[in-house]
C-alpha atoms as a PDB file:
ATOM      1  CA  UNK A   1      74.807  84.155 103.518  1.00  0.00           C
ATOM      2  CA  UNK A   2      78.483  84.528 102.684  1.00  0.00           C
ATOM      3  CA  UNK A   3      80.848  87.076 104.188  1.00  0.00           C
ATOM      4  CA  UNK A   4      83.280  89.069 102.056  1.00  0.00           C
ATOM      5  CA  UNK A   5      86.791  89.563 103.450  1.00  0.00           C
ATOM      6  CA  UNK A   6      89.384  92.140 102.401  1.00  0.00           C
ATOM      7  CA  UNK A   7      92.999  90.914 102.267  1.00  0.00           C
ATOM      8  CA  UNK A   8      95.634  93.643 101.921  1.00  0.00           C
ATOM      9  CA  UNK A   9      99.426  93.958 101.749  1.00  0.00           C
ATOM     10  CA  UNK A  10      99.708  90.731  99.742  1.00  0.00           C
ATOM     11  CA  UNK A  11     102.984  89.967  97.980  1.00  0.00           C
ATOM     12  CA  UNK A  12     102.565  90.876  94.298  1.00  0.00           C
ATOM     13  CA  UNK A  13     103.403  87.274  93.366  1.00  0.00           C
ATOM     14  CA  UNK A  14     100.423  85.808  95.279  1.00  0.00           C
ATOM     15  CA  UNK A  15      97.990  83.889  93.054  1.00  0.00           C
ATOM     16  CA  UNK A  16      94.257  83.445  93.516  1.00  0.00           C
ATOM     17  CA  UNK A  17      94.881  79.727  94.092  1.00  0.00           C
ATOM     18  CA  UNK A  18      97.336  80.486  96.924  1.00  0.00           C
ATOM     19  CA  UNK A  19      94.878  82.932  98.483  1.00  0.00           C
ATOM     20  CA  UNK A  20      92.117  80.334  98.259  1.00  0.00           C
ATOM     21  CA  UNK A  21      94.326  77.672  99.884  1.00  0.00           C
ATOM     22  CA  UNK A  22      95.317  80.019 102.725  1.00  0.00           C
ATOM     23  CA  UNK A  23      91.685  80.596 103.714  1.00  0.00           C
ATOM     24  CA  UNK A  24      90.549  77.023 102.949  1.00  0.00           C
ATOM     25  CA  UNK A  25      92.698  75.850 105.871  1.00  0.00           C
ATOM     26  CA  UNK A  26      90.158  77.570 108.143  1.00  0.00           C
ATOM     27  CA  UNK A  27      86.848  77.063 106.343  1.00  0.00           C
ATOM     28  CA  UNK A  28      84.941  76.713 103.104  1.00  0.00           C
ATOM     29  CA  UNK A  29      85.884  79.346 100.521  1.00  0.00           C
ATOM     30  CA  UNK A  30      83.259  80.412  97.999  1.00  0.00           C
ATOM     31  CA  UNK A  31      85.646  82.563  95.942  1.00  0.00           C
ATOM     32  CA  UNK A  32      89.042  84.244  96.097  1.00  0.00           C
ATOM     33  CA  UNK A  33      90.209  87.022  93.804  1.00  0.00           C
ATOM     34  CA  UNK A  34      93.320  89.165  93.470  1.00  0.00           C
ATOM     35  CA  UNK A  35      92.752  92.699  92.171  1.00  0.00           C
ATOM     36  CA  UNK A  36      95.042  93.601  89.296  1.00  0.00           C
ATOM     37  CA  UNK A  37      95.922  96.758  87.411  1.00  0.00           C
ATOM     38  CA  UNK A  38      93.575  97.181  84.468  1.00  0.00           C
ATOM     39  CA  UNK A  39      96.349  98.145  82.058  1.00  0.00           C
ATOM     40  CA  UNK A  40      99.420  96.165  83.125  1.00  0.00           C
ATOM     41  CA  UNK A  41      97.659  93.115  84.588  1.00  0.00           C
ATOM     42  CA  UNK A  42     100.033  93.285  87.594  1.00  0.00           C
ATOM     43  CA  UNK A  43      98.643  92.554  91.045  1.00  0.00           C
ATOM     44  CA  UNK A  44      97.723  95.615  93.101  1.00  0.00           C
ATOM     45  CA  UNK A  45      98.631  93.774  96.323  1.00  0.00           C
ATOM     46  CA  UNK A  46      95.146  93.137  97.660  1.00  0.00           C
ATOM     47  CA  UNK A  47      92.197  90.877  97.086  1.00  0.00           C
ATOM     48  CA  UNK A  48      88.911  89.570  98.401  1.00  0.00           C
ATOM     49  CA  UNK A  49      87.760  86.215  99.733  1.00  0.00           C
ATOM     50  CA  UNK A  50      84.157  85.118 100.199  1.00  0.00           C
ATOM     51  CA  UNK A  51      83.488  82.458 102.789  1.00  0.00           C
ATOM     52  CA  UNK A  52      80.171  80.635 103.035  1.00  0.00           C
ATOM     53  CA  UNK A  53      79.982  80.523 106.847  1.00  0.00           C
ATOM     54  CA  UNK A  54      80.087  83.764 108.867  1.00  0.00           C
ATOM     55  CA  UNK A  55      81.639  82.060 111.911  1.00  0.00           C
ATOM     56  CA  UNK A  56      84.435  80.593 109.760  1.00  0.00           C
ATOM     57  CA  UNK A  57      84.966  83.997 108.147  1.00  0.00           C
ATOM     58  CA  UNK A  58      85.291  85.658 111.559  1.00  0.00           C
ATOM     59  CA  UNK A  59      87.748  82.950 112.613  1.00  0.00           C
ATOM     60  CA  UNK A  60      89.795  83.490 109.421  1.00  0.00           C
ATOM     61  CA  UNK A  61      89.936  87.249 110.046  1.00  0.00           C
ATOM     62  CA  UNK A  62      91.099  86.670 113.619  1.00  0.00           C
ATOM     63  CA  UNK A  63      93.722  84.036 112.728  1.00  0.00           C
ATOM     64  CA  UNK A  64      95.122  85.503 109.510  1.00  0.00           C
ATOM     65  CA  UNK A  65      95.258  89.237 110.262  1.00  0.00           C
ATOM     66  CA  UNK A  66      98.935  90.035 110.786  1.00  0.00           C
ATOM     67  CA  UNK A  67     100.154  86.675 109.452  1.00  0.00           C
ATOM     68  CA  UNK A  68     103.385  86.849 107.458  1.00  0.00           C
ATOM     69  CA  UNK A  69     102.936  85.709 103.864  1.00  0.00           C
ATOM     70  CA  UNK A  70     105.971  85.936 101.580  1.00  0.00           C
ATOM     71  CA  UNK A  71     107.806  88.297 103.960  1.00  0.00           C
ATOM     72  CA  UNK A  72     104.799  90.651 104.194  1.00  0.00           C
ATOM     73  CA  UNK A  73     102.389  91.015 107.087  1.00  0.00           C
ATOM     74  CA  UNK A  74      98.926  90.764 105.551  1.00  0.00           C
ATOM     75  CA  UNK A  75      95.907  92.793 106.664  1.00  0.00           C
ATOM     76  CA  UNK A  76      92.654  90.843 106.905  1.00  0.00           C
ATOM     77  CA  UNK A  77      89.313  92.470 107.731  1.00  0.00           C
ATOM     78  CA  UNK A  78      85.650  92.372 106.826  1.00  0.00           C
ATOM     79  CA  UNK A  79      85.182  94.087 103.470  1.00  0.00           C
ATOM     80  CA  UNK A  80      83.310  97.368 103.500  1.00  0.00           C
ATOM     81  CA  UNK A  81      80.580  97.990 100.917  1.00  0.00           C
ATOM     82  CA  UNK A  82      81.895  99.585  97.754  1.00  0.00           C
ATOM     83  CA  UNK A  83      81.284 103.321  97.625  1.00  0.00           C
ATOM     84  CA  UNK A  84      79.699 104.877  94.583  1.00  0.00           C
ATOM     85  CA  UNK A  85      82.129 107.088  92.737  1.00  0.00           C
ATOM     86  CA  UNK A  86      81.330 109.798  90.221  1.00  0.00           C
ATOM     87  CA  UNK A  87      82.243 108.852  86.640  1.00  0.00           C
ATOM     88  CA  UNK A  88      85.653 109.955  85.394  1.00  0.00           C
ATOM     89  CA  UNK A  89      85.767 112.521  82.636  1.00  0.00           C
END
């Protein structure tokens, strides 16, 4: 089973390819995505990476949390399950 990783405080210029390459140095990446603003399309400064091996994912979290990427110290942790939100009116 794959493990989903949260990556925060990313430079707004970071691409999904760059995020994928960063984590691929440690292990096999299933997917990497940058979350963007729905209206402007601009990066929101965070994303998610799914790694196929739990041990590699734990190693990536340990090695990359606090790493400086593009002059910003990124935050890397295991992603929490998405909470249900009430619909907007």
